[in-house]
Amino acid sequence: LGTNDLSSSIPTEIGLMTNLQKLSLVSNHLSGSILPIVGNLPNLEVIYIDENDLSSSIPTEIGLMANLKILIVSDNKLSSS
């Protein structure tokens, strides 16, 4: 879903996609925070959410994802905690 001019926030329903292996929301206009529920997706290996307007910090749950190999979050408004 990258480069589709999407706006709003990342929908909570994404947490129901338990077989998802790659999440690409790059180059949209997404705002709000990265949802902690993303960390509950057991098969997720790749997250591309760069070039958006996301704020807050990266949820701790993402750091605990056993299968995550690539996380790209550059060009957002993220903060460290």
Protein backbone atom coordinates (compact mmCIF):
# COMPACT_ATOMS: atom_id res chain seq x y z
CA LEU A 1 0.00 0.00 0.00
CA GLY A 2 2.98 2.25 -0.42
CA THR A 3 2.75 5.53 -2.33
CA ASN A 4 -1.04 5.60 -2.41
CA ASP A 5 -1.66 9.00 -0.80
CA LEU A 6 -3.28 7.29 2.19
CA SER A 7 -4.05 9.55 5.13
CA SER A 8 -5.38 9.13 8.65
CA SER A 9 -3.77 6.66 11.03
CA ILE A 10 -2.74 3.02 10.80
CA PRO A 11 -6.01 1.08 11.30
CA THR A 12 -6.28 -1.12 14.39
CA GLU A 13 -7.64 -3.91 12.21
CA ILE A 14 -4.10 -4.50 11.01
CA GLY A 15 -3.62 -6.44 14.23
CA LEU A 16 -6.02 -9.10 12.92
CA MET A 17 -3.77 -9.94 9.97
CA THR A 18 -1.85 -12.69 11.76
CA ASN A 19 -0.43 -14.23 8.56
CA LEU A 20 0.99 -10.92 7.32
CA GLN A 21 4.70 -11.18 6.49
CA LYS A 22 5.39 -7.75 4.97
CA LEU A 23 3.82 -4.42 5.86
CA SER A 24 4.61 -1.62 3.42
CA LEU A 25 2.95 1.73 4.01
CA VAL A 26 5.83 3.85 2.72
CA SER A 27 5.31 7.34 1.24
CA ASN A 28 1.79 8.08 2.38
CA HIS A 29 0.39 10.70 4.75
CA LEU A 30 -0.23 8.49 7.76
CA SER A 31 -0.30 10.24 11.12
CA GLY A 32 -0.66 9.23 14.74
CA SER A 33 1.47 6.57 16.35
CA ILE A 34 2.76 3.15 15.40
CA LEU A 35 0.31 0.79 17.05
CA PRO A 36 1.69 -1.61 19.70
CA ILE A 37 -0.61 -4.29 18.24
CA VAL A 38 1.73 -4.52 15.24
CA GLY A 39 4.14 -6.24 17.63
CA ASN A 40 1.62 -9.06 18.02
CA LEU A 41 1.85 -10.17 14.39
CA PRO A 42 3.90 -13.38 14.72
CA ASN A 43 4.81 -13.81 11.04
CA LEU A 44 5.76 -10.22 10.28
CA GLU A 45 9.31 -10.05 8.90
CA VAL A 46 9.40 -6.63 7.19
CA ILE A 47 7.95 -3.25 8.15
CA TYR A 48 8.33 -0.27 5.80
CA ILE A 49 6.52 2.75 7.21
CA ASP A 50 8.98 5.45 6.25
CA GLU A 51 8.08 8.80 4.68
CA ASN A 52 4.88 9.43 6.63
CA ASP A 53 3.85 11.79 9.44
CA LEU A 54 3.90 9.24 12.26
CA SER A 55 4.71 10.57 15.71
CA SER A 56 5.32 9.25 19.23
CA SER A 57 7.91 6.51 19.65
CA ILE A 58 8.41 2.96 18.38
CA PRO A 59 6.43 0.62 20.64
CA THR A 60 8.45 -1.76 22.81
CA GLU A 61 6.44 -4.67 21.39
CA ILE A 62 8.12 -4.22 18.00
CA GLY A 63 11.51 -4.77 19.58
CA LEU A 64 10.32 -8.14 20.88
CA MET A 65 9.23 -9.50 17.49
CA ALA A 66 11.16 -12.73 16.94
CA ASN A 67 10.73 -12.86 13.14
CA LEU A 68 11.23 -9.18 12.32
CA LYS A 69 14.25 -8.74 10.06
CA ILE A 70 13.74 -5.27 8.56
CA LEU A 71 12.25 -2.17 10.18
CA ILE A 72 12.42 1.12 8.28
CA VAL A 73 10.78 4.13 9.92
CA SER A 74 12.85 7.06 8.61
CA ASP A 75 11.34 10.40 7.60
CA ASN A 76 8.63 10.49 10.24
CA LYS A 77 8.22 12.60 13.39
CA LEU A 78 9.16 9.85 15.82
CA SER A 79 10.70 10.60 19.19
CA SER A 80 12.82 8.57 21.55
CA SER A 81 11.64 7.75 25.00
